[in-house]
Amino acid sequence: MQRVKKMSETLKFVYVLILFISIFHVVIVCDSIYFPVSRPCITDKDCPNMKHYKAKCRKGFCISSRVR
């Protein structure tokens, strides 16, 4: 009986561990996805700024970089 109880606790632990790892994986993947803006520009003001990203005009095109 003791052996079955330890097996079930181990299995529950593994399930919880998988859930936590998958949650962190989703957060990391969702945070790293962004849509780069590469439109023509003349100055930095021609480029749109998005949340957590700042666009600058480089060589005639908008380049987004992450704001820290």
C-alpha atoms as a PDB file:
ATOM      1  CA  MET A   1       0.000   0.000   0.000  1.00  0.00           C
ATOM      2  CA  GLN A   2       2.850   2.386   0.844  1.00  0.00           C
ATOM      3  CA  ARG A   3       4.435   1.731  -2.528  1.00  0.00           C
ATOM      4  CA  VAL A   4       1.266   2.632  -4.421  1.00  0.00           C
ATOM      5  CA  LYS A   5       0.943   5.868  -2.452  1.00  0.00           C
ATOM      6  CA  LYS A   6       4.523   6.908  -3.306  1.00  0.00           C
ATOM      7  CA  MET A   7       3.939   6.080  -6.981  1.00  0.00           C
ATOM      8  CA  SER A   8       0.841   8.234  -7.129  1.00  0.00           C
ATOM      9  CA  GLU A   9       2.618  11.131  -5.392  1.00  0.00           C
ATOM     10  CA  THR A  10       5.496  10.862  -7.843  1.00  0.00           C
ATOM     11  CA  LEU A  11       3.088  10.868 -10.762  1.00  0.00           C
ATOM     12  CA  LYS A  12       1.308  13.948  -9.413  1.00  0.00           C
ATOM     13  CA  PHE A  13       4.644  15.693  -8.995  1.00  0.00           C
ATOM     14  CA  VAL A  14       5.591  14.918 -12.594  1.00  0.00           C
ATOM     15  CA  TYR A  15       2.232  16.247 -13.863  1.00  0.00           C
ATOM     16  CA  VAL A  16       2.621  19.486 -11.894  1.00  0.00           C
ATOM     17  CA  LEU A  17       6.196  19.876 -13.117  1.00  0.00           C
ATOM     18  CA  ILE A  18       5.090  19.441 -16.738  1.00  0.00           C
ATOM     19  CA  LEU A  19       2.343  22.036 -16.240  1.00  0.00           C
ATOM     20  CA  PHE A  20       4.740  24.626 -14.798  1.00  0.00           C
ATOM     21  CA  ILE A  21       7.313  24.046 -17.516  1.00  0.00           C
ATOM     22  CA  SER A  22       4.669  24.405 -20.228  1.00  0.00           C
ATOM     23  CA  ILE A  23       3.380  27.667 -18.683  1.00  0.00           C
ATOM     24  CA  PHE A  24       6.888  29.148 -18.638  1.00  0.00           C
ATOM     25  CA  HIS A  25       7.457  27.952 -22.195  1.00  0.00           C
ATOM     26  CA  VAL A  26       4.276  29.707 -23.388  1.00  0.00           C
ATOM     27  CA  VAL A  27       5.276  32.925 -21.634  1.00  0.00           C
ATOM     28  CA  ILE A  28       8.746  32.872 -23.171  1.00  0.00           C
ATOM     29  CA  VAL A  29       7.471  32.121 -26.676  1.00  0.00           C
ATOM     30  CA  CYS A  30       4.716  34.752 -26.546  1.00  0.00           C
ATOM     31  CA  ASP A  31       7.139  37.379 -25.298  1.00  0.00           C
ATOM     32  CA  SER A  32       9.673  36.679 -28.036  1.00  0.00           C
ATOM     33  CA  ILE A  33       7.230  36.923 -30.951  1.00  0.00           C
ATOM     34  CA  TYR A  34       6.950  40.323 -32.547  1.00  0.00           C
ATOM     35  CA  PHE A  35       6.250  41.609 -36.010  1.00  0.00           C
ATOM     36  CA  PRO A  36       9.235  43.443 -37.433  1.00  0.00           C
ATOM     37  CA  VAL A  37       8.432  46.670 -39.231  1.00  0.00           C
ATOM     38  CA  SER A  38      10.523  47.299 -42.286  1.00  0.00           C
ATOM     39  CA  ARG A  39       8.953  50.193 -44.104  1.00  0.00           C
ATOM     40  CA  PRO A  40      10.712  53.018 -45.874  1.00  0.00           C
ATOM     41  CA  CYS A  41      11.589  56.079 -43.812  1.00  0.00           C
ATOM     42  CA  ILE A  42      13.659  59.239 -43.787  1.00  0.00           C
ATOM     43  CA  THR A  43      13.813  60.086 -40.061  1.00  0.00           C
ATOM     44  CA  ASP A  44      13.129  58.204 -36.813  1.00  0.00           C
ATOM     45  CA  LYS A  45       9.749  59.950 -36.534  1.00  0.00           C
ATOM     46  CA  ASP A  46       8.537  58.165 -39.691  1.00  0.00           C
ATOM     47  CA  CYS A  47       8.747  54.798 -37.910  1.00  0.00           C
ATOM     48  CA  PRO A  48       5.882  53.581 -35.688  1.00  0.00           C
ATOM     49  CA  ASN A  49       6.704  52.657 -32.081  1.00  0.00           C
ATOM     50  CA  MET A  50       5.073  49.554 -30.632  1.00  0.00           C
ATOM     51  CA  LYS A  51       4.718  48.402 -27.047  1.00  0.00           C
ATOM     52  CA  HIS A  52       8.150  47.358 -25.674  1.00  0.00           C
ATOM     53  CA  TYR A  53       9.812  48.161 -29.034  1.00  0.00           C
ATOM     54  CA  LYS A  54      11.345  51.340 -30.361  1.00  0.00           C
ATOM     55  CA  ALA A  55      11.720  51.787 -34.103  1.00  0.00           C
ATOM     56  CA  LYS A  56      14.568  53.750 -35.648  1.00  0.00           C
ATOM     57  CA  CYS A  57      15.356  54.654 -39.224  1.00  0.00           C
ATOM     58  CA  ARG A  58      18.486  52.885 -40.449  1.00  0.00           C
ATOM     59  CA  LYS A  59      19.624  52.954 -44.101  1.00  0.00           C
ATOM     60  CA  GLY A  60      16.165  54.084 -45.230  1.00  0.00           C
ATOM     61  CA  PHE A  61      14.154  51.365 -43.442  1.00  0.00           C
ATOM     62  CA  CYS A  62      12.531  51.099 -40.001  1.00  0.00           C
ATOM     63  CA  ILE A  63      14.308  48.738 -37.618  1.00  0.00           C
ATOM     64  CA  SER A  64      12.624  47.718 -34.340  1.00  0.00           C
ATOM     65  CA  SER A  65      14.656  47.071 -31.213  1.00  0.00           C
ATOM     66  CA  ARG A  66      13.502  45.899 -27.795  1.00  0.00           C
ATOM     67  CA  VAL A  67      13.404  48.536 -25.056  1.00  0.00           C
ATOM     68  CA  ARG A  68      14.896  47.325 -21.790  1.00  0.00           C
END
